[in-house]
């Protein structure tokens, strides 16, 4: 059985249009959808949602928690600077960038 095509009116045409020219796409629409595979036709089961989506944000850390952590890191950095200046230990500085509240 041949595949459905637009010329024989066996399938729908893709509804996508070019932004610049306004010409409609000539490809057949994917089965049960309004657009072709080039214009984003996807099965609903293949679309990742919720925690499975790569851009999912958990929302478990609030701005207050971030500020509290940054303040703690600032205190640790100042203690480290004090110990280095008084030569209580002869190690190198801890790696990483300085906390946001540190000056």
PDB file of N, CA and C in Angstrom:
ATOM      1  N   UNK A   1       0.845  -1.181   0.000  1.00  0.00           N
ATOM      2  CA  UNK A   1       0.000   0.000   0.000  1.00  0.00           C
ATOM      3  C   UNK A   1       0.892   1.246   0.000  1.00  0.00           C
ATOM      4  N   UNK A   2       0.700   2.142  -0.949  1.00  0.00           N
ATOM      5  CA  UNK A   2       1.545   3.337  -1.012  1.00  0.00           C
ATOM      6  C   UNK A   2       1.239   4.299   0.139  1.00  0.00           C
ATOM      7  N   UNK A   3       2.239   5.098   0.439  1.00  0.00           N
ATOM      8  CA  UNK A   3       2.069   6.101   1.497  1.00  0.00           C
ATOM      9  C   UNK A   3       1.078   7.170   1.050  1.00  0.00           C
ATOM     10  N   UNK A   4       0.335   7.747   1.985  1.00  0.00           N
ATOM     11  CA  UNK A   4      -0.590   8.815   1.603  1.00  0.00           C
ATOM     12  C   UNK A   4       0.183  10.044   1.136  1.00  0.00           C
ATOM     13  N   UNK A   5      -0.348  10.729   0.150  1.00  0.00           N
ATOM     14  CA  UNK A   5       0.314  11.938  -0.311  1.00  0.00           C
ATOM     15  C   UNK A   5      -0.715  13.035  -0.528  1.00  0.00           C
ATOM     16  N   UNK A   6      -0.237  14.219  -0.730  1.00  0.00           N
ATOM     17  CA  UNK A   6      -1.112  15.387  -0.838  1.00  0.00           C
ATOM     18  C   UNK A   6      -1.766  15.450  -2.220  1.00  0.00           C
ATOM     19  N   UNK A   7      -1.050  15.033  -3.254  1.00  0.00           N
ATOM     20  CA  UNK A   7      -1.580  15.148  -4.619  1.00  0.00           C
ATOM     21  C   UNK A   7      -2.847  14.316  -4.813  1.00  0.00           C
ATOM     22  N   UNK A   8      -2.897  13.148  -4.186  1.00  0.00           N
ATOM     23  CA  UNK A   8      -4.075  12.285  -4.314  1.00  0.00           C
ATOM     24  C   UNK A   8      -5.118  12.589  -3.240  1.00  0.00           C
ATOM     25  N   UNK A   9      -4.884  13.630  -2.469  1.00  0.00           N
ATOM     26  CA  UNK A   9      -5.792  14.057  -1.401  1.00  0.00           C
ATOM     27  C   UNK A   9      -6.030  12.961  -0.371  1.00  0.00           C
ATOM     28  N   UNK A  10      -4.981  12.170  -0.113  1.00  0.00           N
ATOM     29  CA  UNK A  10      -5.116  11.116   0.874  1.00  0.00           C
ATOM     30  C   UNK A  10      -4.653  11.566   2.253  1.00  0.00           C
ATOM     31  N   UNK A  11      -3.899  12.650   2.347  1.00  0.00           N
ATOM     32  CA  UNK A  11      -3.450  13.128   3.645  1.00  0.00           C
ATOM     33  C   UNK A  11      -3.523  14.653   3.678  1.00  0.00           C
ATOM     34  N   UNK A  12      -3.472  15.178   4.852  1.00  0.00           N
ATOM     35  CA  UNK A  12      -3.520  16.622   5.033  1.00  0.00           C
ATOM     36  C   UNK A  12      -2.161  17.235   4.732  1.00  0.00           C
ATOM     37  N   UNK A  13      -2.169  18.481   4.313  1.00  0.00           N
ATOM     38  CA  UNK A  13      -0.930  19.205   4.064  1.00  0.00           C
ATOM     39  C   UNK A  13      -0.497  19.884   5.355  1.00  0.00           C
ATOM     40  N   UNK A  14       0.827  20.007   5.547  1.00  0.00           N
ATOM     41  CA  UNK A  14       1.376  20.675   6.719  1.00  0.00           C
ATOM     42  C   UNK A  14       0.861  22.115   6.770  1.00  0.00           C
ATOM     43  N   UNK A  15       0.468  22.574   7.955  1.00  0.00           N
ATOM     44  CA  UNK A  15      -0.114  23.914   8.111  1.00  0.00           C
ATOM     45  C   UNK A  15       0.931  25.001   8.351  1.00  0.00           C
ATOM     46  N   UNK A  16       2.204  24.614   8.473  1.00  0.00           N
ATOM     47  CA  UNK A  16       3.254  25.596   8.749  1.00  0.00           C
ATOM     48  C   UNK A  16       3.467  26.503   7.549  1.00  0.00           C
ATOM     49  N   UNK A  17       3.759  27.779   7.832  1.00  0.00           N
ATOM     50  CA  UNK A  17       4.015  28.750   6.773  1.00  0.00           C
ATOM     51  C   UNK A  17       5.355  29.427   7.028  1.00  0.00           C
ATOM     52  N   UNK A  18       6.016  29.817   5.945  1.00  0.00           N
ATOM     53  CA  UNK A  18       7.283  30.529   6.041  1.00  0.00           C
ATOM     54  C   UNK A  18       7.026  31.936   6.574  1.00  0.00           C
ATOM     55  N   UNK A  19       7.871  32.403   7.459  1.00  0.00           N
ATOM     56  CA  UNK A  19       7.698  33.741   8.034  1.00  0.00           C
ATOM     57  C   UNK A  19       7.917  34.831   6.989  1.00  0.00           C
ATOM     58  N   UNK A  20       8.909  34.626   6.147  1.00  0.00           N
ATOM     59  CA  UNK A  20       9.283  35.675   5.198  1.00  0.00           C
ATOM     60  C   UNK A  20       8.321  35.759   4.009  1.00  0.00           C
ATOM     61  N   UNK A  21       8.021  34.609   3.407  1.00  0.00           N
ATOM     62  CA  UNK A  21       7.218  34.620   2.192  1.00  0.00           C
ATOM     63  C   UNK A  21       5.746  34.319   2.422  1.00  0.00           C
ATOM     64  N   UNK A  22       5.437  33.647   3.532  1.00  0.00           N
ATOM     65  CA  UNK A  22       4.054  33.290   3.809  1.00  0.00           C
ATOM     66  C   UNK A  22       3.569  32.078   3.037  1.00  0.00           C
ATOM     67  N   UNK A  23       4.485  31.382   2.357  1.00  0.00           N
ATOM     68  CA  UNK A  23       4.139  30.199   1.569  1.00  0.00           C
ATOM     69  C   UNK A  23       3.971  29.002   2.508  1.00  0.00           C
ATOM     70  N   UNK A  24       2.913  28.222   2.280  1.00  0.00           N
ATOM     71  CA  UNK A  24       2.640  27.063   3.125  1.00  0.00           C
ATOM     72  C   UNK A  24       3.585  25.917   2.758  1.00  0.00           C
ATOM     73  N   UNK A  25       3.963  25.139   3.763  1.00  0.00           N
ATOM     74  CA  UNK A  25       4.836  23.983   3.570  1.00  0.00           C
ATOM     75  C   UNK A  25       4.141  22.969   2.664  1.00  0.00           C
ATOM     76  N   UNK A  26       4.909  22.318   1.815  1.00  0.00           N
ATOM     77  CA  UNK A  26       4.360  21.376   0.839  1.00  0.00           C
ATOM     78  C   UNK A  26       4.391  19.922   1.321  1.00  0.00           C
ATOM     79  N   UNK A  27       4.930  19.663   2.480  1.00  0.00           N
ATOM     80  CA  UNK A  27       5.034  18.299   2.994  1.00  0.00           C
ATOM     81  C   UNK A  27       3.702  17.818   3.550  1.00  0.00           C
ATOM     82  N   UNK A  28       3.491  16.503   3.564  1.00  0.00           N
ATOM     83  CA  UNK A  28       2.278  15.987   4.199  1.00  0.00           C
ATOM     84  C   UNK A  28       2.383  16.085   5.712  1.00  0.00           C
ATOM     85  N   UNK A  29       1.269  16.315   6.354  1.00  0.00           N
ATOM     86  CA  UNK A  29       1.256  16.391   7.819  1.00  0.00           C
ATOM     87  C   UNK A  29       1.457  14.995   8.392  1.00  0.00           C
ATOM     88  N   UNK A  30       2.052  14.933   9.571  1.00  0.00           N
ATOM     89  CA  UNK A  30       2.241  13.650  10.246  1.00  0.00           C
ATOM     90  C   UNK A  30       0.890  13.082  10.635  1.00  0.00           C
ATOM     91  N   UNK A  31       0.814  11.777  10.770  1.00  0.00           N
ATOM     92  CA  UNK A  31      -0.449  11.098  11.030  1.00  0.00           C
ATOM     93  C   UNK A  31      -1.093  11.630  12.308  1.00  0.00           C
ATOM     94  N   UNK A  32      -2.288  12.153  12.177  1.00  0.00           N
ATOM     95  CA  UNK A  32      -3.040  12.645  13.327  1.00  0.00           C
ATOM     96  C   UNK A  32      -2.636  14.021  13.812  1.00  0.00           C
ATOM     97  N   UNK A  33      -1.710  14.687  13.134  1.00  0.00           N
ATOM     98  CA  UNK A  33      -1.240  16.009  13.554  1.00  0.00           C
ATOM     99  C   UNK A  33      -1.430  17.003  12.408  1.00  0.00           C
ATOM    100  N   UNK A  34      -1.188  18.281  12.703  1.00  0.00           N
ATOM    101  CA  UNK A  34      -1.411  19.313  11.691  1.00  0.00           C
ATOM    102  C   UNK A  34      -0.135  19.760  11.002  1.00  0.00           C
ATOM    103  N   UNK A  35       1.032  19.346  11.510  1.00  0.00           N
ATOM    104  CA  UNK A  35       2.300  19.763  10.916  1.00  0.00           C
ATOM    105  C   UNK A  35       3.140  18.539  10.561  1.00  0.00           C
ATOM    106  N   UNK A  36       4.135  18.761   9.693  1.00  0.00           N
ATOM    107  CA  UNK A  36       5.013  17.667   9.261  1.00  0.00           C
ATOM    108  C   UNK A  36       6.132  17.460  10.275  1.00  0.00           C
ATOM    109  N   UNK A  37       6.960  16.457  10.017  1.00  0.00           N
ATOM    110  CA  UNK A  37       8.040  16.137  10.953  1.00  0.00           C
ATOM    111  C   UNK A  37       9.094  17.240  11.023  1.00  0.00           C
ATOM    112  N   UNK A  38       9.234  18.018   9.961  1.00  0.00           N
ATOM    113  CA  UNK A  38      10.208  19.113   9.962  1.00  0.00           C
ATOM    114  C   UNK A  38       9.753  20.284  10.822  1.00  0.00           C
ATOM    115  N   UNK A  39       8.468  20.416  11.018  1.00  0.00           N
ATOM    116  CA  UNK A  39       7.931  21.559  11.755  1.00  0.00           C
ATOM    117  C   UNK A  39       7.441  21.196  13.147  1.00  0.00           C
ATOM    118  N   UNK A  40       7.921  20.095  13.680  1.00  0.00           N
ATOM    119  CA  UNK A  40       7.686  19.808  15.093  1.00  0.00           C
ATOM    120  C   UNK A  40       6.613  18.796  15.397  1.00  0.00           C
ATOM    121  N   UNK A  41       6.251  17.938  14.471  1.00  0.00           N
ATOM    122  CA  UNK A  41       5.262  16.905  14.771  1.00  0.00           C
ATOM    123  C   UNK A  41       5.898  15.878  15.701  1.00  0.00           C
ATOM    124  N   UNK A  42       5.312  15.706  16.876  1.00  0.00           N
ATOM    125  CA  UNK A  42       5.821  14.744  17.843  1.00  0.00           C
ATOM    126  C   UNK A  42       4.664  14.022  18.495  1.00  0.00           C
ATOM    127  N   UNK A  43       4.897  12.779  18.803  1.00  0.00           N
ATOM    128  CA  UNK A  43       3.880  12.026  19.527  1.00  0.00           C
ATOM    129  C   UNK A  43       3.805  12.578  20.944  1.00  0.00           C
ATOM    130  N   UNK A  44       2.618  12.709  21.506  1.00  0.00           N
ATOM    131  CA  UNK A  44       2.500  13.232  22.869  1.00  0.00           C
ATOM    132  C   UNK A  44       3.266  12.407  23.889  1.00  0.00           C
ATOM    133  N   UNK A  45       3.418  11.107  23.653  1.00  0.00           N
ATOM    134  CA  UNK A  45       4.129  10.257  24.612  1.00  0.00           C
ATOM    135  C   UNK A  45       5.626  10.554  24.629  1.00  0.00           C
ATOM    136  N   UNK A  46       6.177  11.117  23.540  1.00  0.00           N
ATOM    137  CA  UNK A  46       7.615  11.366  23.477  1.00  0.00           C
ATOM    138  C   UNK A  46       8.008  12.714  24.083  1.00  0.00           C
ATOM    139  N   UNK A  47       7.045  13.541  24.444  1.00  0.00           N
ATOM    140  CA  UNK A  47       7.338  14.859  25.000  1.00  0.00           C
ATOM    141  C   UNK A  47       7.587  14.719  26.504  1.00  0.00           C
ATOM    142  N   UNK A  48       8.769  15.135  26.945  1.00  0.00           N
ATOM    143  CA  UNK A  48       9.126  15.032  28.360  1.00  0.00           C
ATOM    144  C   UNK A  48       8.464  16.151  29.145  1.00  0.00           C
ATOM    145  N   UNK A  49       7.861  15.794  30.252  1.00  0.00           N
ATOM    146  CA  UNK A  49       7.184  16.778  31.096  1.00  0.00           C
ATOM    147  C   UNK A  49       7.612  16.604  32.544  1.00  0.00           C
ATOM    148  N   UNK A  50       7.452  17.656  33.317  1.00  0.00           N
ATOM    149  CA  UNK A  50       7.707  17.578  34.756  1.00  0.00           C
ATOM    150  C   UNK A  50       9.163  17.315  35.071  1.00  0.00           C
ATOM    151  N   UNK A  51       9.415  16.451  36.038  1.00  0.00           N
ATOM    152  CA  UNK A  51      10.774  16.183  36.501  1.00  0.00           C
ATOM    153  C   UNK A  51      11.625  15.493  35.440  1.00  0.00           C
ATOM    154  N   UNK A  52      11.031  14.895  34.430  1.00  0.00           N
ATOM    155  CA  UNK A  52      11.781  14.232  33.370  1.00  0.00           C
ATOM    156  C   UNK A  52      12.337  15.215  32.341  1.00  0.00           C
ATOM    157  N   UNK A  53      11.812  16.439  32.305  1.00  0.00           N
ATOM    158  CA  UNK A  53      12.259  17.426  31.329  1.00  0.00           C
ATOM    159  C   UNK A  53      13.625  17.970  31.731  1.00  0.00           C
ATOM    160  N   UNK A  54      14.548  18.163  30.767  1.00  0.00           N
ATOM    161  CA  UNK A  54      15.887  18.636  31.114  1.00  0.00           C
ATOM    162  C   UNK A  54      15.917  20.027  31.749  1.00  0.00           C
ATOM    163  N   UNK A  55      14.943  20.877  31.462  1.00  0.00           N
ATOM    164  CA  UNK A  55      14.924  22.224  32.029  1.00  0.00           C
ATOM    165  C   UNK A  55      14.055  22.342  33.270  1.00  0.00           C
ATOM    166  N   UNK A  56      13.691  21.219  33.865  1.00  0.00           N
ATOM    167  CA  UNK A  56      12.833  21.230  35.046  1.00  0.00           C
ATOM    168  C   UNK A  56      13.568  21.880  36.212  1.00  0.00           C
ATOM    169  N   UNK A  57      12.887  22.804  36.898  1.00  0.00           N
ATOM    170  CA  UNK A  57      13.462  23.448  38.073  1.00  0.00           C
ATOM    171  C   UNK A  57      12.697  22.970  39.299  1.00  0.00           C
ATOM    172  N   UNK A  58      13.444  22.430  40.252  1.00  0.00           N
ATOM    173  CA  UNK A  58      12.809  21.784  41.395  1.00  0.00           C
ATOM    174  C   UNK A  58      12.181  22.764  42.366  1.00  0.00           C
ATOM    175  N   UNK A  59      12.718  23.966  42.513  1.00  0.00           N
ATOM    176  CA  UNK A  59      12.157  24.953  43.422  1.00  0.00           C
ATOM    177  C   UNK A  59      12.385  24.643  44.888  1.00  0.00           C
ATOM    178  N   UNK A  60      13.344  23.774  45.187  1.00  0.00           N
ATOM    179  CA  UNK A  60      13.580  23.384  46.574  1.00  0.00           C
ATOM    180  C   UNK A  60      14.467  24.378  47.309  1.00  0.00           C
ATOM    181  N   UNK A  61      15.192  25.208  46.590  1.00  0.00           N
ATOM    182  CA  UNK A  61      16.067  26.176  47.242  1.00  0.00           C
ATOM    183  C   UNK A  61      15.512  27.576  47.025  1.00  0.00           C
ATOM    184  N   UNK A  62      15.161  28.234  48.101  1.00  0.00           N
ATOM    185  CA  UNK A  62      14.584  29.564  48.005  1.00  0.00           C
ATOM    186  C   UNK A  62      15.679  30.624  47.980  1.00  0.00           C
ATOM    187  N   UNK A  63      15.305  31.849  47.714  1.00  0.00           N
ATOM    188  CA  UNK A  63      16.278  32.944  47.740  1.00  0.00           C
ATOM    189  C   UNK A  63      16.842  33.142  49.137  1.00  0.00           C
ATOM    190  N   UNK A  64      16.016  32.918  50.153  1.00  0.00           N
ATOM    191  CA  UNK A  64      16.491  33.039  51.537  1.00  0.00           C
ATOM    192  C   UNK A  64      17.555  31.987  51.834  1.00  0.00           C
ATOM    193  N   UNK A  65      17.351  30.756  51.365  1.00  0.00           N
ATOM    194  CA  UNK A  65      18.325  29.694  51.597  1.00  0.00           C
ATOM    195  C   UNK A  65      19.637  30.000  50.881  1.00  0.00           C
ATOM    196  N   UNK A  66      19.560  30.560  49.670  1.00  0.00           N
ATOM    197  CA  UNK A  66      20.768  30.927  48.936  1.00  0.00           C
ATOM    198  C   UNK A  66      21.526  32.033  49.666  1.00  0.00           C
ATOM    199  N   UNK A  67      20.794  33.035  50.183  1.00  0.00           N
ATOM    200  CA  UNK A  67      21.436  34.134  50.914  1.00  0.00           C
ATOM    201  C   UNK A  67      22.097  33.630  52.194  1.00  0.00           C
ATOM    202  N   UNK A  68      21.445  32.697  52.878  1.00  0.00           N
ATOM    203  CA  UNK A  68      22.003  32.128  54.116  1.00  0.00           C
ATOM    204  C   UNK A  68      23.283  31.354  53.812  1.00  0.00           C
ATOM    205  N   UNK A  69      23.271  30.571  52.745  1.00  0.00           N
ATOM    206  CA  UNK A  69      24.462  29.817  52.365  1.00  0.00           C
ATOM    207  C   UNK A  69      25.591  30.751  51.971  1.00  0.00           C
ATOM    208  N   UNK A  70      25.284  31.814  51.227  1.00  0.00           N
ATOM    209  CA  UNK A  70      26.301  32.769  50.813  1.00  0.00           C
ATOM    210  C   UNK A  70      26.911  33.484  52.018  1.00  0.00           C
ATOM    211  N   UNK A  71      26.066  33.806  53.002  1.00  0.00           N
ATOM    212  CA  UNK A  71      26.580  34.458  54.215  1.00  0.00           C
ATOM    213  C   UNK A  71      27.524  33.530  54.972  1.00  0.00           C
ATOM    214  N   UNK A  72      27.184  32.259  55.046  1.00  0.00           N
ATOM    215  CA  UNK A  72      28.060  31.289  55.708  1.00  0.00           C
ATOM    216  C   UNK A  72      29.388  31.137  54.997  1.00  0.00           C
ATOM    217  N   UNK A  73      29.346  31.111  53.663  1.00  0.00           N
ATOM    218  CA  UNK A  73      30.580  31.013  52.889  1.00  0.00           C
ATOM    219  C   UNK A  73      31.440  32.263  53.054  1.00  0.00           C
ATOM    220  N   UNK A  74      30.802  33.421  53.196  1.00  0.00           N
ATOM    221  CA  UNK A  74      31.543  34.657  53.417  1.00  0.00           C
ATOM    222  C   UNK A  74      32.275  34.609  54.755  1.00  0.00           C
ATOM    223  N   UNK A  75      31.599  34.106  55.783  1.00  0.00           N
ATOM    224  CA  UNK A  75      32.247  33.967  57.098  1.00  0.00           C
ATOM    225  C   UNK A  75      33.443  33.020  57.021  1.00  0.00           C
ATOM    226  N   UNK A  76      33.266  31.901  56.325  1.00  0.00           N
ATOM    227  CA  UNK A  76      34.379  30.958  56.188  1.00  0.00           C
ATOM    228  C   UNK A  76      35.550  31.583  55.431  1.00  0.00           C
ATOM    229  N   UNK A  77      35.267  32.355  54.396  1.00  0.00           N
ATOM    230  CA  UNK A  77      36.328  32.996  53.626  1.00  0.00           C
ATOM    231  C   UNK A  77      37.086  34.000  54.483  1.00  0.00           C
ATOM    232  N   UNK A  78      36.375  34.758  55.318  1.00  0.00           N
ATOM    233  CA  UNK A  78      37.039  35.735  56.200  1.00  0.00           C
ATOM    234  C   UNK A  78      37.904  35.032  57.248  1.00  0.00           C
ATOM    235  N   UNK A  79      37.424  33.917  57.777  1.00  0.00           N
ATOM    236  CA  UNK A  79      38.228  33.151  58.742  1.00  0.00           C
ATOM    237  C   UNK A  79      39.482  32.623  58.063  1.00  0.00           C
ATOM    238  N   UNK A  80      39.341  32.146  56.859  1.00  0.00           N
ATOM    239  CA  UNK A  80      40.491  31.652  56.108  1.00  0.00           C
ATOM    240  C   UNK A  80      41.504  32.766  55.870  1.00  0.00           C
ATOM    241  N   UNK A  81      41.023  33.955  55.469  1.00  0.00           N
ATOM    242  CA  UNK A  81      41.918  35.102  55.250  1.00  0.00           C
ATOM    243  C   UNK A  81      42.652  35.477  56.541  1.00  0.00           C
ATOM    244  N   UNK A  82      41.949  35.445  57.661  1.00  0.00           N
ATOM    245  CA  UNK A  82      42.563  35.764  58.952  1.00  0.00           C
ATOM    246  C   UNK A  82      43.652  34.753  59.303  1.00  0.00           C
ATOM    247  N   UNK A  83      43.372  33.476  59.077  1.00  0.00           N
ATOM    248  CA  UNK A  83      44.360  32.449  59.385  1.00  0.00           C
ATOM    249  C   UNK A  83      45.569  32.552  58.472  1.00  0.00           C
ATOM    250  N   UNK A  84      45.359  32.904  57.209  1.00  0.00           N
ATOM    251  CA  UNK A  84      46.486  33.076  56.297  1.00  0.00           C
ATOM    252  C   UNK A  84      47.322  34.297  56.670  1.00  0.00           C
ATOM    253  N   UNK A  85      46.660  35.371  57.096  1.00  0.00           N
ATOM    254  CA  UNK A  85      47.402  36.593  57.441  1.00  0.00           C
ATOM    255  C   UNK A  85      48.193  36.425  58.734  1.00  0.00           C
ATOM    256  N   UNK A  86      47.717  35.634  59.671  1.00  0.00           N
ATOM    257  CA  UNK A  86      48.441  35.399  60.923  1.00  0.00           C
ATOM    258  C   UNK A  86      49.371  34.200  60.830  1.00  0.00           C
ATOM    259  N   UNK A  87      49.425  33.569  59.656  1.00  0.00           N
ATOM    260  CA  UNK A  87      50.299  32.433  59.376  1.00  0.00           C
ATOM    261  C   UNK A  87      50.070  31.270  60.326  1.00  0.00           C
ATOM    262  N   UNK A  88      48.800  30.997  60.646  1.00  0.00           N
ATOM    263  CA  UNK A  88      48.479  29.836  61.472  1.00  0.00           C
ATOM    264  C   UNK A  88      48.626  28.538  60.694  1.00  0.00           C
ATOM    265  N   UNK A  89      48.466  28.598  59.417  1.00  0.00           N
ATOM    266  CA  UNK A  89      48.755  27.440  58.574  1.00  0.00           C
ATOM    267  C   UNK A  89      49.332  27.941  57.265  1.00  0.00           C
ATOM    268  N   UNK A  90      50.135  27.100  56.650  1.00  0.00           N
ATOM    269  CA  UNK A  90      50.864  27.534  55.460  1.00  0.00           C
ATOM    270  C   UNK A  90      50.327  26.873  54.188  1.00  0.00           C
ATOM    271  N   UNK A  91      49.042  26.672  54.133  1.00  0.00           N
ATOM    272  CA  UNK A  91      48.422  26.094  52.953  1.00  0.00           C
ATOM    273  C   UNK A  91      48.013  27.197  51.975  1.00  0.00           C
ATOM    274  N   UNK A  92      47.671  26.793  50.778  1.00  0.00           N
ATOM    275  CA  UNK A  92      47.195  27.749  49.787  1.00  0.00           C
ATOM    276  C   UNK A  92      45.735  28.082  50.072  1.00  0.00           C
ATOM    277  N   UNK A  93      45.270  29.125  49.421  1.00  0.00           N
ATOM    278  CA  UNK A  93      43.863  29.504  49.556  1.00  0.00           C
ATOM    279  C   UNK A  93      42.969  28.404  48.998  1.00  0.00           C
ATOM    280  N   UNK A  94      41.751  28.358  49.501  1.00  0.00           N
ATOM    281  CA  UNK A  94      40.802  27.370  48.988  1.00  0.00           C
ATOM    282  C   UNK A  94      40.384  27.759  47.569  1.00  0.00           C
ATOM    283  N   UNK A  95      40.177  26.781  46.693  1.00  0.00           N
ATOM    284  CA  UNK A  95      39.820  27.091  45.312  1.00  0.00           C
ATOM    285  C   UNK A  95      38.382  27.581  45.194  1.00  0.00           C
ATOM    286  N   UNK A  96      38.088  28.144  44.064  1.00  0.00           N
ATOM    287  CA  UNK A  96      36.729  28.598  43.789  1.00  0.00           C
ATOM    288  C   UNK A  96      36.612  30.103  43.862  1.00  0.00           C
ATOM    289  N   UNK A  97      35.491  30.577  43.401  1.00  0.00           N
ATOM    290  CA  UNK A  97      35.294  32.020  43.419  1.00  0.00           C
ATOM    291  C   UNK A  97      34.756  32.465  44.774  1.00  0.00           C
ATOM    292  N   UNK A  98      34.893  33.748  45.006  1.00  0.00           N
ATOM    293  CA  UNK A  98      34.472  34.293  46.298  1.00  0.00           C
ATOM    294  C   UNK A  98      32.960  34.363  46.376  1.00  0.00           C
ATOM    295  N   UNK A  99      32.371  34.244  47.579  1.00  0.00           N
ATOM    296  CA  UNK A  99      30.927  34.376  47.719  1.00  0.00           C
ATOM    297  C   UNK A  99      30.459  35.775  47.337  1.00  0.00           C
ATOM    298  N   UNK A 100      29.192  35.914  47.012  1.00  0.00           N
ATOM    299  CA  UNK A 100      28.680  37.182  46.510  1.00  0.00           C
ATOM    300  C   UNK A 100      28.773  38.315  47.527  1.00  0.00           C
ATOM    301  N   UNK A 101      28.661  38.031  48.820  1.00  0.00           N
ATOM    302  CA  UNK A 101      28.703  39.092  49.830  1.00  0.00           C
ATOM    303  C   UNK A 101      30.112  39.427  50.290  1.00  0.00           C
ATOM    304  N   UNK A 102      31.111  38.749  49.773  1.00  0.00           N
ATOM    305  CA  UNK A 102      32.492  38.947  50.223  1.00  0.00           C
ATOM    306  C   UNK A 102      33.121  40.161  49.562  1.00  0.00           C
ATOM    307  N   UNK A 103      33.792  41.006  50.353  1.00  0.00           N
ATOM    308  CA  UNK A 103      34.500  42.174  49.813  1.00  0.00           C
ATOM    309  C   UNK A 103      35.832  42.327  50.473  1.00  0.00           C
TER     310      UNK A 103
END
